């Protein structure tokens, strides 16, 4: 059951990322806003890697689970970003 939840979150991340890529391709101002959001998300992602022990304690999950979630988030963003790159 937990694997299905994680798979659903992964697919939702891919869908959200591809939707933002599609919106960014519609208008240059939207592209700037989404670029800012992507940069902010990438900075937070990097901070989560640097502070993984303290964040795992704060979220009350193991470090392995946090790292798996971070890698899944990166993969979903990379898959969804293909829409922006291909359009």
Protein backbone atom coordinates (compact mmCIF):
# COMPACT_ATOMS: atom_id res chain seq x y z
CA UNK A 1 0.00 0.00 0.00
CA UNK A 2 2.83 2.39 0.85
CA UNK A 3 4.46 1.72 -2.51
CA UNK A 4 1.22 2.70 -4.25
CA UNK A 5 1.12 5.96 -2.28
CA UNK A 6 4.69 6.75 -3.26
CA UNK A 7 4.00 5.88 -6.90
CA UNK A 8 0.97 8.18 -6.85
CA UNK A 9 3.06 11.02 -5.40
CA UNK A 10 5.67 10.42 -8.08
CA UNK A 11 3.08 10.58 -10.87
CA UNK A 12 1.52 13.68 -9.30
CA UNK A 13 4.97 15.32 -9.23
CA UNK A 14 5.49 14.50 -12.91
CA UNK A 15 2.07 15.91 -13.77
CA UNK A 16 2.62 19.10 -11.77
CA UNK A 17 6.06 19.64 -13.28
CA UNK A 18 4.83 19.10 -16.83
CA UNK A 19 1.87 21.43 -16.20
CA UNK A 20 4.22 24.17 -14.99
CA UNK A 21 6.41 23.59 -18.04
CA UNK A 22 3.39 23.93 -20.31
CA UNK A 23 2.29 27.15 -18.60
CA UNK A 24 5.84 28.50 -18.90
CA UNK A 25 5.79 27.88 -22.64
CA UNK A 26 2.64 29.99 -23.06
CA UNK A 27 3.92 33.39 -21.95
CA UNK A 28 7.37 34.88 -21.24
CA UNK A 29 6.26 36.41 -17.93
CA UNK A 30 4.92 33.06 -16.78
CA UNK A 31 8.24 31.51 -17.76
CA UNK A 32 10.06 33.96 -15.49
CA UNK A 33 7.78 33.22 -12.55
CA UNK A 34 8.10 29.47 -13.02
CA UNK A 35 11.86 29.78 -13.44
CA UNK A 36 11.95 31.58 -10.10
CA UNK A 37 9.84 28.82 -8.51
CA UNK A 38 12.08 26.14 -9.98
CA UNK A 39 15.22 27.90 -8.72
CA UNK A 40 13.72 28.23 -5.25
CA UNK A 41 12.71 24.56 -5.25
CA UNK A 42 16.21 23.56 -6.37
CA UNK A 43 17.78 25.62 -3.57
CA UNK A 44 15.46 23.97 -1.01
CA UNK A 45 16.26 20.57 -2.50
CA UNK A 46 19.98 21.24 -2.09
CA UNK A 47 19.49 22.41 1.49
CA UNK A 48 17.57 19.22 2.24
CA UNK A 49 20.58 17.23 1.05
CA UNK A 50 22.95 19.29 3.17
CA UNK A 51 20.78 19.19 6.29
CA UNK A 52 19.39 15.68 5.85
CA UNK A 53 19.92 14.51 9.44
CA UNK A 54 18.20 17.48 11.04
CA UNK A 55 15.37 17.52 8.50
CA UNK A 56 14.78 13.78 8.92
CA UNK A 57 14.47 14.33 12.68
CA UNK A 58 12.09 17.26 12.10
CA UNK A 59 9.92 15.22 9.72
CA UNK A 60 10.27 12.10 11.93
CA UNK A 61 11.36 9.85 9.06
CA UNK A 62 14.58 7.96 8.48
CA UNK A 63 17.43 9.48 6.49
CA UNK A 64 17.11 6.75 3.87
CA UNK A 65 13.44 7.59 3.31
CA UNK A 66 14.23 11.30 3.04
CA UNK A 67 16.96 10.65 0.49
CA UNK A 68 14.64 8.39 -1.48
CA UNK A 69 11.98 11.11 -1.52
CA UNK A 70 14.54 13.69 -2.65
CA UNK A 71 15.69 11.45 -5.52
CA UNK A 72 12.10 10.71 -6.53
CA UNK A 73 11.35 14.44 -6.50
CA UNK A 74 14.34 15.13 -8.73
CA UNK A 75 13.30 12.38 -11.13
CA UNK A 76 9.72 13.63 -11.35
CA UNK A 77 10.90 17.18 -12.01
CA UNK A 78 13.31 15.95 -14.68
CA UNK A 79 10.59 13.92 -16.39
CA UNK A 80 8.09 16.77 -16.24
CA UNK A 81 10.63 19.32 -17.47
CA UNK A 82 10.72 17.47 -20.77
CA UNK A 83 7.44 19.14 -21.69
CA UNK A 84 9.01 22.57 -21.38
CA UNK A 85 12.12 21.55 -23.29
CA UNK A 86 10.17 19.89 -26.11
CA UNK A 87 7.65 22.70 -26.62
